[in-house]
């Protein structure tokens, strides 16, 4: 599992409408079931994420996974704290 998830690091992540959100910098795995729970993105698009801050996205938002990642959902207004830590379910 660790070897498989490490291949995701660095992949570009895109919205359902084809706009780049950012790059996968880290992956959060649920310790109970060993499934990927969240993707930590860096180098985010400041047109989508305030100040291009890093964000944590739920893995359940992933539509397709290959050479790139395509999301099936991405909010138009992603709430970000001034420290760059997303609110609610996006928080570490």
C-alpha atoms as a PDB file:
ATOM      1  CA  UNK A   1       0.000   0.000   0.000  1.00  0.00           C
ATOM      2  CA  UNK A   2       2.757   2.476   0.927  1.00  0.00           C
ATOM      3  CA  UNK A   3       4.531   1.858  -2.365  1.00  0.00           C
ATOM      4  CA  UNK A   4       1.296   2.348  -4.319  1.00  0.00           C
ATOM      5  CA  UNK A   5       0.350   5.577  -2.552  1.00  0.00           C
ATOM      6  CA  UNK A   6       3.823   7.052  -2.950  1.00  0.00           C
ATOM      7  CA  UNK A   7       3.323   7.012  -6.741  1.00  0.00           C
ATOM      8  CA  UNK A   8       0.569   9.602  -6.252  1.00  0.00           C
ATOM      9  CA  UNK A   9       2.969  12.186  -4.785  1.00  0.00           C
ATOM     10  CA  UNK A  10       3.550  14.959  -7.315  1.00  0.00           C
ATOM     11  CA  UNK A  11       0.496  14.207  -9.474  1.00  0.00           C
ATOM     12  CA  UNK A  12      -1.469  17.201 -10.703  1.00  0.00           C
ATOM     13  CA  UNK A  13      -5.079  17.504  -9.507  1.00  0.00           C
ATOM     14  CA  UNK A  14      -7.782  19.040 -11.716  1.00  0.00           C
ATOM     15  CA  UNK A  15     -11.358  20.217 -11.139  1.00  0.00           C
ATOM     16  CA  UNK A  16     -14.232  18.533 -13.002  1.00  0.00           C
ATOM     17  CA  UNK A  17     -14.119  21.453 -15.459  1.00  0.00           C
ATOM     18  CA  UNK A  18     -10.392  20.981 -16.217  1.00  0.00           C
ATOM     19  CA  UNK A  19      -8.704  23.675 -14.103  1.00  0.00           C
ATOM     20  CA  UNK A  20      -5.561  22.661 -12.220  1.00  0.00           C
ATOM     21  CA  UNK A  21      -6.072  22.794  -8.437  1.00  0.00           C
ATOM     22  CA  UNK A  22      -2.540  21.845  -7.338  1.00  0.00           C
ATOM     23  CA  UNK A  23      -0.098  18.985  -6.843  1.00  0.00           C
ATOM     24  CA  UNK A  24      -0.331  16.105  -4.379  1.00  0.00           C
ATOM     25  CA  UNK A  25       2.310  16.661  -1.708  1.00  0.00           C
ATOM     26  CA  UNK A  26       1.156  14.066   0.813  1.00  0.00           C
ATOM     27  CA  UNK A  27      -1.508  11.446   1.391  1.00  0.00           C
ATOM     28  CA  UNK A  28      -3.493  10.699   4.531  1.00  0.00           C
ATOM     29  CA  UNK A  29      -4.359   7.025   5.065  1.00  0.00           C
ATOM     30  CA  UNK A  30      -7.035   5.814   7.491  1.00  0.00           C
ATOM     31  CA  UNK A  31      -5.233   3.633  10.032  1.00  0.00           C
ATOM     32  CA  UNK A  32      -8.273   1.413  10.601  1.00  0.00           C
ATOM     33  CA  UNK A  33      -9.035   0.308   7.047  1.00  0.00           C
ATOM     34  CA  UNK A  34      -5.811   1.264   5.243  1.00  0.00           C
ATOM     35  CA  UNK A  35      -7.730   3.320   2.665  1.00  0.00           C
ATOM     36  CA  UNK A  36      -6.682   6.771   1.435  1.00  0.00           C
ATOM     37  CA  UNK A  37      -8.814   9.343   3.247  1.00  0.00           C
ATOM     38  CA  UNK A  38      -7.387  12.704   2.128  1.00  0.00           C
ATOM     39  CA  UNK A  39      -5.014  14.297  -0.343  1.00  0.00           C
ATOM     40  CA  UNK A  40      -2.787  17.163   0.790  1.00  0.00           C
ATOM     41  CA  UNK A  41      -2.218  19.589  -2.089  1.00  0.00           C
ATOM     42  CA  UNK A  42       0.482  22.222  -2.406  1.00  0.00           C
ATOM     43  CA  UNK A  43       1.279  24.710  -5.176  1.00  0.00           C
ATOM     44  CA  UNK A  44      -2.450  25.371  -5.426  1.00  0.00           C
ATOM     45  CA  UNK A  45      -4.063  27.625  -7.994  1.00  0.00           C
ATOM     46  CA  UNK A  46      -4.652  30.996  -6.305  1.00  0.00           C
ATOM     47  CA  UNK A  47      -7.650  31.552  -8.581  1.00  0.00           C
ATOM     48  CA  UNK A  48      -9.324  28.648  -6.747  1.00  0.00           C
ATOM     49  CA  UNK A  49      -7.644  28.684  -3.326  1.00  0.00           C
ATOM     50  CA  UNK A  50      -7.010  31.902  -1.423  1.00  0.00           C
ATOM     51  CA  UNK A  51      -3.339  32.908  -1.757  1.00  0.00           C
ATOM     52  CA  UNK A  52      -2.467  29.528  -3.256  1.00  0.00           C
ATOM     53  CA  UNK A  53      -2.380  27.995   0.220  1.00  0.00           C
ATOM     54  CA  UNK A  54      -2.023  24.223   0.754  1.00  0.00           C
ATOM     55  CA  UNK A  55      -5.306  22.347   1.218  1.00  0.00           C
ATOM     56  CA  UNK A  56      -6.511  18.930   2.321  1.00  0.00           C
ATOM     57  CA  UNK A  57      -9.178  17.353   0.092  1.00  0.00           C
ATOM     58  CA  UNK A  58     -11.276  14.273   0.850  1.00  0.00           C
ATOM     59  CA  UNK A  59     -10.265  11.346  -1.347  1.00  0.00           C
ATOM     60  CA  UNK A  60     -13.963  10.635  -1.954  1.00  0.00           C
ATOM     61  CA  UNK A  61     -13.906  13.685  -4.272  1.00  0.00           C
ATOM     62  CA  UNK A  62     -11.646  11.824  -6.747  1.00  0.00           C
ATOM     63  CA  UNK A  63     -13.367  10.882 -10.009  1.00  0.00           C
ATOM     64  CA  UNK A  64     -10.392   9.436 -11.900  1.00  0.00           C
ATOM     65  CA  UNK A  65      -6.822   8.552 -11.053  1.00  0.00           C
ATOM     66  CA  UNK A  66      -4.012   7.938 -13.542  1.00  0.00           C
ATOM     67  CA  UNK A  67      -1.266  10.212 -14.850  1.00  0.00           C
ATOM     68  CA  UNK A  68      -3.328  13.045 -13.341  1.00  0.00           C
ATOM     69  CA  UNK A  69      -6.165  13.220 -10.822  1.00  0.00           C
ATOM     70  CA  UNK A  70      -9.598  14.491 -11.828  1.00  0.00           C
ATOM     71  CA  UNK A  71     -12.038  15.477  -9.119  1.00  0.00           C
ATOM     72  CA  UNK A  72     -15.765  14.828  -9.319  1.00  0.00           C
ATOM     73  CA  UNK A  73     -16.427  17.755  -6.974  1.00  0.00           C
ATOM     74  CA  UNK A  74     -14.668  20.989  -6.079  1.00  0.00           C
ATOM     75  CA  UNK A  75     -16.353  23.899  -4.269  1.00  0.00           C
ATOM     76  CA  UNK A  76     -16.414  27.280  -5.968  1.00  0.00           C
ATOM     77  CA  UNK A  77     -15.572  29.012  -2.655  1.00  0.00           C
ATOM     78  CA  UNK A  78     -13.176  26.924  -0.597  1.00  0.00           C
ATOM     79  CA  UNK A  79     -13.039  28.422   2.930  1.00  0.00           C
ATOM     80  CA  UNK A  80      -9.459  29.037   4.060  1.00  0.00           C
ATOM     81  CA  UNK A  81      -8.163  30.462   7.331  1.00  0.00           C
ATOM     82  CA  UNK A  82      -5.571  33.222   7.074  1.00  0.00           C
ATOM     83  CA  UNK A  83      -2.959  30.701   8.326  1.00  0.00           C
ATOM     84  CA  UNK A  84      -3.714  28.601   5.257  1.00  0.00           C
ATOM     85  CA  UNK A  85      -5.398  25.711   7.071  1.00  0.00           C
ATOM     86  CA  UNK A  86      -8.768  24.809   5.551  1.00  0.00           C
ATOM     87  CA  UNK A  87     -11.834  24.792   7.804  1.00  0.00           C
ATOM     88  CA  UNK A  88     -14.052  21.933   8.989  1.00  0.00           C
ATOM     89  CA  UNK A  89     -13.433  18.548   7.337  1.00  0.00           C
ATOM     90  CA  UNK A  90     -10.338  19.872   5.577  1.00  0.00           C
ATOM     91  CA  UNK A  91      -8.494  20.469   8.859  1.00  0.00           C
ATOM     92  CA  UNK A  92      -5.697  18.099   9.912  1.00  0.00           C
END
